[in-house]
Amino acid sequence: MRNLFVFAVVALFLQGCATSYQESGFSGGYSETQLDENVFRVTFRGNGYTGRERTADFTLLRSAELTLKNGFQYFAIIDANSDTTHSSYTTPTTSNTTGSAYGSGNYVYGNATTTTTGGQTYHISKPSSSNTIVCFKEKPETTFTYNAKFIYKNIAEKYGIATEVK
C-alpha cells in the first residue's frame, strides 16, 4: 500500500512538470503560422515530461482555439505530423578517497576508501505535433471537419484548463 502511495505522489509530481498549455517558450508550448485567410499550421512542442497524447491534444486544442478566434466554427486537418526528439545527458563522475595511517616501529599500517559518484545517463524524449488546418464558417458536406467549440470544451476540461470559448 505504501509503495502505491509513493508511486502516485511521484506520478503527480512528474505530471506537474509536463509542458502546460502555453505559448512556446523554454519548456515548450504552442505556436502557429497563418498560411492563408483560413489556413494555419499549428505546432505544439513538449518537454521531457510531456507525453505524446498530451502533445496531440494540445495541438488540437490550439487548432480549435484559432478557429474560433478567427470567426470560424469548423476545421479540417489537411496535414498532421508528430515527432519525438531524443537526447541523453550523462552526469559527471567524481571520486573521493579518504584514508588513515598509523605506524608501529618500522611498519606503517593504513587503509583507504574511494567513493565514486555520478556517471548516470538520462535519456530524454521530447514529443512534438503539428497540424495544418483549414477553417470553415459552416460545416462542409464533403469534408470531414471538427466542431471547434466541442473540441475546445472537451480538451480544456480533460486537462483542467480554465479558459473561455471565444
N, C-alpha and C. Protein backbone atom coordinates (compact mmCIF):
# COMPACT_ATOMS: atom_id res chain seq x y z
N MET A 1 0.83 -1.20 0.00
CA MET A 1 0.00 0.00 0.00
C MET A 1 0.87 1.26 0.00
N ARG A 2 1.95 1.20 0.81
CA ARG A 2 2.83 2.35 0.90
C ARG A 2 3.50 2.61 -0.45
N ASN A 3 3.91 1.54 -1.16
CA ASN A 3 4.54 1.69 -2.47
C ASN A 3 3.59 2.33 -3.47
N LEU A 4 2.32 1.96 -3.42
CA LEU A 4 1.32 2.54 -4.31
C LEU A 4 1.18 4.04 -4.06
N PHE A 5 1.19 4.43 -2.79
CA PHE A 5 1.10 5.84 -2.43
C PHE A 5 2.30 6.62 -2.96
N VAL A 6 3.50 6.07 -2.76
CA VAL A 6 4.72 6.72 -3.24
C VAL A 6 4.69 6.85 -4.75
N PHE A 7 4.26 5.80 -5.45
CA PHE A 7 4.16 5.84 -6.90
C PHE A 7 3.19 6.93 -7.34
N ALA A 8 2.05 7.04 -6.68
CA ALA A 8 1.05 8.06 -7.03
C ALA A 8 1.60 9.47 -6.84
N VAL A 9 2.32 9.69 -5.75
CA VAL A 9 2.90 11.01 -5.49
C VAL A 9 3.94 11.35 -6.55
N VAL A 10 4.80 10.39 -6.90
CA VAL A 10 5.82 10.63 -7.92
C VAL A 10 5.15 10.91 -9.27
N ALA A 11 4.11 10.15 -9.62
CA ALA A 11 3.41 10.35 -10.89
C ALA A 11 2.79 11.75 -10.96
N LEU A 12 2.18 12.20 -9.86
CA LEU A 12 1.59 13.54 -9.82
C LEU A 12 2.66 14.62 -9.96
N PHE A 13 3.80 14.40 -9.32
CA PHE A 13 4.89 15.36 -9.40
C PHE A 13 5.38 15.48 -10.84
N LEU A 14 5.61 14.34 -11.49
CA LEU A 14 6.11 14.36 -12.87
C LEU A 14 5.08 14.94 -13.83
N GLN A 15 3.80 14.67 -13.60
CA GLN A 15 2.75 15.25 -14.44
C GLN A 15 2.77 16.77 -14.33
N GLY A 16 3.08 17.27 -13.15
CA GLY A 16 3.15 18.71 -12.94
C GLY A 16 4.32 19.35 -13.68
N CYS A 17 5.32 18.56 -14.04
CA CYS A 17 6.48 19.07 -14.77
C CYS A 17 6.25 19.10 -16.28
N ALA A 18 5.21 18.43 -16.75
CA ALA A 18 4.94 18.38 -18.19
C ALA A 18 4.61 19.78 -18.70
N THR A 19 4.88 19.99 -19.97
CA THR A 19 4.61 21.29 -20.58
C THR A 19 3.12 21.62 -20.46
N SER A 20 2.83 22.81 -19.98
CA SER A 20 1.44 23.23 -19.84
C SER A 20 0.97 23.86 -21.15
N TYR A 21 -0.33 24.13 -21.23
CA TYR A 21 -0.89 24.77 -22.41
C TYR A 21 -0.50 26.24 -22.36
N GLN A 22 0.50 26.59 -23.16
CA GLN A 22 1.08 27.93 -23.12
C GLN A 22 1.70 28.25 -24.47
N GLU A 23 1.99 29.53 -24.68
CA GLU A 23 2.73 29.91 -25.88
C GLU A 23 4.12 29.32 -25.78
N SER A 24 4.72 29.08 -26.93
CA SER A 24 6.03 28.44 -26.98
C SER A 24 7.07 29.23 -26.19
N GLY A 25 7.80 28.51 -25.37
CA GLY A 25 8.85 29.10 -24.55
C GLY A 25 9.94 28.08 -24.30
N PHE A 26 10.74 28.30 -23.28
CA PHE A 26 11.87 27.42 -22.97
C PHE A 26 11.43 25.98 -22.73
N SER A 27 10.31 25.78 -22.05
CA SER A 27 9.87 24.41 -21.73
C SER A 27 8.87 23.85 -22.75
N GLY A 28 8.73 24.52 -23.90
CA GLY A 28 7.80 24.04 -24.92
C GLY A 28 6.55 24.90 -24.97
N GLY A 29 5.57 24.44 -25.75
CA GLY A 29 4.31 25.16 -25.88
C GLY A 29 3.87 25.21 -27.33
N TYR A 30 2.81 26.01 -27.59
CA TYR A 30 2.25 26.07 -28.94
C TYR A 30 2.74 27.28 -29.71
N SER A 31 2.71 27.14 -31.03
CA SER A 31 2.97 28.25 -31.94
C SER A 31 2.15 27.99 -33.20
N GLU A 32 1.93 29.04 -33.97
CA GLU A 32 1.17 28.87 -35.19
C GLU A 32 1.66 29.85 -36.25
N THR A 33 1.40 29.48 -37.49
CA THR A 33 1.71 30.33 -38.63
C THR A 33 0.47 30.37 -39.51
N GLN A 34 0.02 31.58 -39.85
CA GLN A 34 -1.13 31.71 -40.74
C GLN A 34 -0.62 31.62 -42.17
N LEU A 35 -1.17 30.67 -42.93
CA LEU A 35 -0.73 30.43 -44.30
C LEU A 35 -1.66 31.04 -45.34
N ASP A 36 -2.90 31.30 -44.96
CA ASP A 36 -3.90 31.93 -45.83
C ASP A 36 -4.97 32.49 -44.89
N GLU A 37 -6.02 33.08 -45.45
CA GLU A 37 -7.07 33.66 -44.61
C GLU A 37 -7.67 32.63 -43.66
N ASN A 38 -7.80 31.39 -44.12
CA ASN A 38 -8.45 30.36 -43.30
C ASN A 38 -7.57 29.11 -43.14
N VAL A 39 -6.27 29.26 -43.33
CA VAL A 39 -5.35 28.12 -43.24
C VAL A 39 -4.23 28.45 -42.24
N PHE A 40 -3.99 27.52 -41.31
CA PHE A 40 -2.98 27.71 -40.27
C PHE A 40 -2.16 26.43 -40.11
N ARG A 41 -0.90 26.61 -39.74
CA ARG A 41 -0.09 25.48 -39.28
C ARG A 41 0.10 25.67 -37.78
N VAL A 42 -0.33 24.69 -37.01
CA VAL A 42 -0.30 24.75 -35.55
C VAL A 42 0.69 23.70 -35.04
N THR A 43 1.59 24.11 -34.15
CA THR A 43 2.60 23.20 -33.62
C THR A 43 2.60 23.26 -32.09
N PHE A 44 2.79 22.11 -31.47
CA PHE A 44 2.98 22.07 -30.02
C PHE A 44 4.21 21.22 -29.73
N ARG A 45 5.14 21.78 -28.96
CA ARG A 45 6.36 21.07 -28.54
C ARG A 45 6.28 20.80 -27.05
N GLY A 46 6.53 19.56 -26.66
CA GLY A 46 6.55 19.20 -25.25
C GLY A 46 7.97 19.13 -24.73
N ASN A 47 8.10 19.00 -23.42
CA ASN A 47 9.43 18.80 -22.83
C ASN A 47 9.61 17.32 -22.48
N GLY A 48 10.64 16.98 -21.76
CA GLY A 48 10.95 15.59 -21.44
C GLY A 48 9.93 14.90 -20.55
N TYR A 49 9.02 15.64 -19.94
CA TYR A 49 7.99 15.06 -19.07
C TYR A 49 6.61 15.01 -19.74
N THR A 50 6.54 15.43 -20.99
CA THR A 50 5.27 15.53 -21.70
C THR A 50 5.04 14.28 -22.54
N GLY A 51 3.86 13.69 -22.42
CA GLY A 51 3.51 12.51 -23.20
C GLY A 51 3.03 12.88 -24.60
N ARG A 52 3.05 11.89 -25.47
CA ARG A 52 2.62 12.13 -26.86
C ARG A 52 1.13 12.45 -26.95
N GLU A 53 0.31 11.81 -26.11
CA GLU A 53 -1.13 12.09 -26.13
C GLU A 53 -1.41 13.54 -25.75
N ARG A 54 -0.74 14.02 -24.72
CA ARG A 54 -0.90 15.41 -24.28
C ARG A 54 -0.49 16.37 -25.39
N THR A 55 0.60 16.06 -26.07
CA THR A 55 1.08 16.90 -27.17
C THR A 55 0.05 16.95 -28.29
N ALA A 56 -0.49 15.81 -28.68
CA ALA A 56 -1.51 15.77 -29.75
C ALA A 56 -2.77 16.51 -29.32
N ASP A 57 -3.19 16.32 -28.05
CA ASP A 57 -4.38 17.00 -27.55
C ASP A 57 -4.21 18.53 -27.56
N PHE A 58 -3.04 19.00 -27.14
CA PHE A 58 -2.82 20.45 -27.09
C PHE A 58 -2.70 21.04 -28.50
N THR A 59 -2.25 20.26 -29.46
CA THR A 59 -2.24 20.73 -30.85
C THR A 59 -3.68 20.88 -31.34
N LEU A 60 -4.53 19.90 -31.02
CA LEU A 60 -5.95 20.00 -31.37
C LEU A 60 -6.62 21.17 -30.65
N LEU A 61 -6.31 21.34 -29.37
CA LEU A 61 -6.90 22.43 -28.59
C LEU A 61 -6.54 23.79 -29.21
N ARG A 62 -5.27 23.98 -29.57
CA ARG A 62 -4.87 25.25 -30.18
C ARG A 62 -5.52 25.42 -31.56
N SER A 63 -5.67 24.32 -32.30
CA SER A 63 -6.35 24.38 -33.60
C SER A 63 -7.78 24.88 -33.43
N ALA A 64 -8.49 24.33 -32.44
CA ALA A 64 -9.87 24.75 -32.17
C ALA A 64 -9.92 26.20 -31.71
N GLU A 65 -8.99 26.58 -30.85
CA GLU A 65 -8.95 27.95 -30.34
C GLU A 65 -8.71 28.96 -31.47
N LEU A 66 -7.79 28.66 -32.37
CA LEU A 66 -7.53 29.55 -33.51
C LEU A 66 -8.75 29.65 -34.43
N THR A 67 -9.41 28.52 -34.63
CA THR A 67 -10.60 28.50 -35.48
C THR A 67 -11.65 29.47 -34.93
N LEU A 68 -11.93 29.36 -33.64
CA LEU A 68 -12.94 30.22 -33.00
C LEU A 68 -12.48 31.68 -32.95
N LYS A 69 -11.22 31.89 -32.63
CA LYS A 69 -10.66 33.25 -32.52
C LYS A 69 -10.78 34.02 -33.84
N ASN A 70 -10.73 33.29 -34.96
CA ASN A 70 -10.79 33.93 -36.27
C ASN A 70 -12.18 33.90 -36.90
N GLY A 71 -13.21 33.61 -36.09
CA GLY A 71 -14.59 33.71 -36.55
C GLY A 71 -15.11 32.49 -37.31
N PHE A 72 -14.43 31.36 -37.21
CA PHE A 72 -14.88 30.14 -37.88
C PHE A 72 -15.48 29.18 -36.85
N GLN A 73 -16.19 28.15 -37.31
CA GLN A 73 -16.82 27.19 -36.42
C GLN A 73 -16.25 25.77 -36.56
N TYR A 74 -15.69 25.45 -37.72
CA TYR A 74 -15.22 24.09 -38.02
C TYR A 74 -13.82 24.16 -38.60
N PHE A 75 -13.07 23.06 -38.43
CA PHE A 75 -11.76 22.98 -39.08
C PHE A 75 -11.50 21.55 -39.53
N ALA A 76 -10.74 21.45 -40.61
CA ALA A 76 -10.30 20.16 -41.14
C ALA A 76 -8.78 20.12 -41.06
N ILE A 77 -8.26 18.96 -40.70
CA ILE A 77 -6.81 18.78 -40.67
C ILE A 77 -6.40 18.22 -42.03
N ILE A 78 -5.59 18.99 -42.76
CA ILE A 78 -5.18 18.53 -44.09
C ILE A 78 -3.77 17.93 -44.07
N ASP A 79 -3.03 18.15 -43.00
CA ASP A 79 -1.71 17.55 -42.84
C ASP A 79 -1.41 17.47 -41.35
N ALA A 80 -0.93 16.33 -40.92
CA ALA A 80 -0.59 16.16 -39.50
C ALA A 80 0.74 15.43 -39.40
N ASN A 81 1.57 15.88 -38.48
CA ASN A 81 2.87 15.26 -38.23
C ASN A 81 3.11 15.18 -36.74
N SER A 82 3.79 14.11 -36.34
CA SER A 82 4.24 14.02 -34.96
C SER A 82 5.67 13.50 -34.98
N ASP A 83 6.44 13.95 -34.03
CA ASP A 83 7.85 13.61 -33.99
C ASP A 83 8.29 13.57 -32.53
N THR A 84 9.34 12.85 -32.27
CA THR A 84 9.93 12.84 -30.95
C THR A 84 11.43 12.97 -31.11
N THR A 85 12.01 13.98 -30.45
CA THR A 85 13.46 14.12 -30.47
C THR A 85 14.03 13.44 -29.24
N HIS A 86 15.13 12.76 -29.43
CA HIS A 86 15.74 12.01 -28.33
C HIS A 86 17.13 12.59 -28.05
N SER A 87 17.44 12.69 -26.79
CA SER A 87 18.77 13.13 -26.39
C SER A 87 19.13 12.42 -25.08
N SER A 88 20.37 12.55 -24.68
CA SER A 88 20.79 11.94 -23.41
C SER A 88 21.77 12.87 -22.72
N TYR A 89 21.83 12.71 -21.43
CA TYR A 89 22.73 13.51 -20.59
C TYR A 89 23.39 12.57 -19.59
N THR A 90 24.71 12.63 -19.50
CA THR A 90 25.44 11.82 -18.53
C THR A 90 26.05 12.75 -17.49
N THR A 91 25.78 12.44 -16.23
CA THR A 91 26.30 13.28 -15.15
C THR A 91 27.81 13.07 -15.01
N PRO A 92 28.53 14.07 -14.58
CA PRO A 92 29.98 13.93 -14.41
C PRO A 92 30.30 12.89 -13.31
N THR A 93 31.43 12.24 -13.47
CA THR A 93 31.88 11.26 -12.48
C THR A 93 32.92 11.92 -11.57
N THR A 94 32.75 11.74 -10.26
CA THR A 94 33.73 12.25 -9.31
C THR A 94 34.11 11.13 -8.34
N SER A 95 35.34 11.15 -7.89
CA SER A 95 35.82 10.16 -6.92
C SER A 95 36.42 10.89 -5.74
N ASN A 96 36.20 10.34 -4.56
CA ASN A 96 36.72 10.91 -3.33
C ASN A 96 37.39 9.79 -2.53
N THR A 97 38.63 9.98 -2.15
CA THR A 97 39.36 8.96 -1.40
C THR A 97 39.68 9.50 -0.01
N THR A 98 39.37 8.71 1.00
CA THR A 98 39.73 9.04 2.38
C THR A 98 40.58 7.90 2.92
N GLY A 99 41.49 8.23 3.78
CA GLY A 99 42.37 7.18 4.31
C GLY A 99 42.92 7.55 5.68
N SER A 100 43.51 6.55 6.29
CA SER A 100 44.16 6.78 7.58
C SER A 100 45.38 5.87 7.64
N ALA A 101 46.38 6.30 8.41
CA ALA A 101 47.60 5.50 8.56
C ALA A 101 48.12 5.65 9.99
N TYR A 102 48.74 4.63 10.46
CA TYR A 102 49.40 4.71 11.76
C TYR A 102 50.64 3.84 11.71
N GLY A 103 51.60 4.19 12.49
CA GLY A 103 52.87 3.47 12.47
C GLY A 103 53.15 2.80 13.80
N SER A 104 53.93 1.71 13.70
CA SER A 104 54.37 0.99 14.90
C SER A 104 55.74 0.42 14.57
N GLY A 105 56.76 1.00 15.17
CA GLY A 105 58.13 0.54 14.88
C GLY A 105 58.51 0.89 13.45
N ASN A 106 59.00 -0.15 12.74
CA ASN A 106 59.40 0.06 11.35
C ASN A 106 58.25 -0.16 10.36
N TYR A 107 57.05 -0.34 10.85
CA TYR A 107 55.91 -0.64 9.98
C TYR A 107 54.86 0.48 10.02
N VAL A 108 54.24 0.68 8.87
CA VAL A 108 53.12 1.62 8.78
C VAL A 108 51.91 0.82 8.32
N TYR A 109 50.79 1.02 9.00
CA TYR A 109 49.54 0.35 8.65
C TYR A 109 48.52 1.42 8.24
N GLY A 110 47.66 1.07 7.32
CA GLY A 110 46.66 2.05 6.91
C GLY A 110 45.57 1.42 6.06
N ASN A 111 44.59 2.23 5.79
CA ASN A 111 43.52 1.82 4.88
C ASN A 111 43.00 3.05 4.15
N ALA A 112 42.40 2.79 3.02
CA ALA A 112 41.85 3.88 2.22
C ALA A 112 40.55 3.41 1.60
N THR A 113 39.62 4.35 1.44
CA THR A 113 38.32 4.05 0.82
C THR A 113 38.07 5.09 -0.26
N THR A 114 37.75 4.62 -1.45
CA THR A 114 37.42 5.51 -2.56
C THR A 114 35.94 5.36 -2.88
N THR A 115 35.26 6.49 -2.94
CA THR A 115 33.84 6.51 -3.29
C THR A 115 33.69 7.25 -4.61
N THR A 116 33.04 6.62 -5.58
CA THR A 116 32.81 7.23 -6.89
C THR A 116 31.32 7.49 -7.06
N THR A 117 30.99 8.70 -7.48
CA THR A 117 29.58 9.04 -7.72
C THR A 117 29.45 9.64 -9.11
N GLY A 118 28.22 9.66 -9.60
CA GLY A 118 27.94 10.23 -10.92
C GLY A 118 28.03 9.17 -11.99
N GLY A 119 28.04 9.63 -13.23
CA GLY A 119 28.14 8.72 -14.36
C GLY A 119 26.80 8.13 -14.79
N GLN A 120 25.69 8.64 -14.24
CA GLN A 120 24.37 8.16 -14.66
C GLN A 120 23.99 8.83 -15.98
N THR A 121 23.39 8.05 -16.85
CA THR A 121 22.93 8.59 -18.13
C THR A 121 21.41 8.67 -18.11
N TYR A 122 20.90 9.83 -18.46
CA TYR A 122 19.47 10.05 -18.52
C TYR A 122 19.07 10.23 -19.97
N HIS A 123 18.06 9.49 -20.41
CA HIS A 123 17.55 9.59 -21.78
C HIS A 123 16.31 10.48 -21.76
N ILE A 124 16.25 11.45 -22.66
CA ILE A 124 15.17 12.43 -22.68
C ILE A 124 14.48 12.37 -24.04
N SER A 125 13.15 12.25 -24.02
CA SER A 125 12.35 12.25 -25.24
C SER A 125 11.40 13.44 -25.19
N LYS A 126 11.42 14.26 -26.24
CA LYS A 126 10.57 15.45 -26.32
C LYS A 126 9.65 15.33 -27.53
N PRO A 127 8.35 15.09 -27.29
CA PRO A 127 7.42 14.95 -28.41
C PRO A 127 6.98 16.30 -28.97
N SER A 128 6.65 16.30 -30.25
CA SER A 128 6.05 17.47 -30.87
C SER A 128 4.99 17.00 -31.86
N SER A 129 4.05 17.88 -32.14
CA SER A 129 2.95 17.55 -33.04
C SER A 129 2.59 18.81 -33.81
N SER A 130 2.22 18.64 -35.09
CA SER A 130 1.77 19.80 -35.86
C SER A 130 0.60 19.40 -36.76
N ASN A 131 -0.31 20.34 -36.94
CA ASN A 131 -1.46 20.18 -37.83
C ASN A 131 -1.50 21.36 -38.77
N THR A 132 -1.77 21.10 -40.03
CA THR A 132 -2.14 22.17 -40.94
C THR A 132 -3.65 22.08 -41.08
N ILE A 133 -4.33 23.17 -40.73
CA ILE A 133 -5.80 23.15 -40.70
C ILE A 133 -6.38 24.16 -41.68
N VAL A 134 -7.58 23.83 -42.16
CA VAL A 134 -8.38 24.74 -42.97
C VAL A 134 -9.65 25.00 -42.16
N CYS A 135 -9.99 26.27 -41.97
CA CYS A 135 -11.14 26.65 -41.16
C CYS A 135 -12.35 26.97 -42.05
N PHE A 136 -13.55 26.67 -41.51
CA PHE A 136 -14.80 26.90 -42.24
C PHE A 136 -15.81 27.58 -41.32
N LYS A 137 -16.61 28.49 -41.89
CA LYS A 137 -17.68 29.13 -41.12
C LYS A 137 -18.87 28.19 -40.98
N GLU A 138 -19.15 27.39 -42.02
CA GLU A 138 -20.23 26.41 -41.98
C GLU A 138 -19.66 25.03 -42.29
N LYS A 139 -20.33 24.00 -41.79
CA LYS A 139 -19.84 22.64 -41.95
C LYS A 139 -19.99 22.20 -43.41
N PRO A 140 -18.85 21.90 -44.07
CA PRO A 140 -18.95 21.43 -45.46
C PRO A 140 -19.49 20.00 -45.50
N GLU A 141 -20.19 19.67 -46.55
CA GLU A 141 -20.81 18.34 -46.65
C GLU A 141 -19.84 17.27 -47.12
N THR A 142 -18.82 17.65 -47.86
CA THR A 142 -17.93 16.65 -48.47
C THR A 142 -16.61 16.45 -47.75
N THR A 143 -16.37 17.20 -46.68
CA THR A 143 -15.09 17.13 -45.97
C THR A 143 -15.34 16.83 -44.50
N PHE A 144 -14.53 15.91 -43.94
CA PHE A 144 -14.62 15.65 -42.50
C PHE A 144 -14.05 16.85 -41.77
N THR A 145 -14.83 17.39 -40.84
CA THR A 145 -14.38 18.53 -40.06
C THR A 145 -14.63 18.28 -38.58
N TYR A 146 -13.89 19.01 -37.77
CA TYR A 146 -14.09 19.01 -36.32
C TYR A 146 -14.92 20.23 -35.95
N ASN A 147 -15.80 20.06 -34.97
CA ASN A 147 -16.55 21.17 -34.39
C ASN A 147 -15.63 21.84 -33.38
N ALA A 148 -15.18 23.05 -33.67
CA ALA A 148 -14.17 23.71 -32.84
C ALA A 148 -14.63 23.92 -31.40
N LYS A 149 -15.89 24.32 -31.19
CA LYS A 149 -16.39 24.53 -29.81
C LYS A 149 -16.37 23.22 -29.02
N PHE A 150 -16.78 22.14 -29.66
CA PHE A 150 -16.82 20.84 -28.99
C PHE A 150 -15.41 20.39 -28.61
N ILE A 151 -14.47 20.47 -29.55
CA ILE A 151 -13.08 20.08 -29.28
C ILE A 151 -12.50 20.94 -28.16
N TYR A 152 -12.69 22.23 -28.28
CA TYR A 152 -12.13 23.17 -27.31
C TYR A 152 -12.64 22.87 -25.89
N LYS A 153 -13.95 22.70 -25.77
CA LYS A 153 -14.57 22.45 -24.47
C LYS A 153 -14.07 21.14 -23.86
N ASN A 154 -14.05 20.07 -24.64
CA ASN A 154 -13.70 18.76 -24.10
C ASN A 154 -12.23 18.63 -23.73
N ILE A 155 -11.34 19.13 -24.56
CA ILE A 155 -9.92 19.01 -24.23
C ILE A 155 -9.55 19.94 -23.08
N ALA A 156 -10.13 21.13 -23.05
CA ALA A 156 -9.87 22.04 -21.92
C ALA A 156 -10.34 21.42 -20.61
N GLU A 157 -11.50 20.77 -20.61
CA GLU A 157 -12.00 20.09 -19.40
C GLU A 157 -11.10 18.91 -19.01
N LYS A 158 -10.65 18.15 -20.00
CA LYS A 158 -9.80 16.98 -19.73
C LYS A 158 -8.55 17.36 -18.95
N TYR A 159 -7.96 18.52 -19.26
CA TYR A 159 -6.72 18.94 -18.61
C TYR A 159 -6.94 20.02 -17.55
N GLY A 160 -8.20 20.34 -17.25
CA GLY A 160 -8.48 21.33 -16.21
C GLY A 160 -8.03 22.73 -16.59
N ILE A 161 -8.10 23.05 -17.85
CA ILE A 161 -7.69 24.38 -18.31
C ILE A 161 -8.89 25.31 -18.23
N ALA A 162 -8.77 26.34 -17.42
CA ALA A 162 -9.88 27.27 -17.21
C ALA A 162 -9.80 28.40 -18.22
N THR A 163 -10.30 28.11 -19.42
CA THR A 163 -10.32 29.12 -20.47
C THR A 163 -11.72 29.23 -21.00
N GLU A 164 -12.03 30.40 -21.53
CA GLU A 164 -13.37 30.63 -22.11
C GLU A 164 -13.35 30.34 -23.59
N VAL A 165 -14.44 29.76 -24.08
CA VAL A 165 -14.56 29.58 -25.51
C VAL A 165 -14.78 30.94 -26.14
N LYS A 166 -13.96 31.27 -27.11
CA LYS A 166 -14.05 32.59 -27.75
C LYS A 166 -15.25 32.66 -28.65
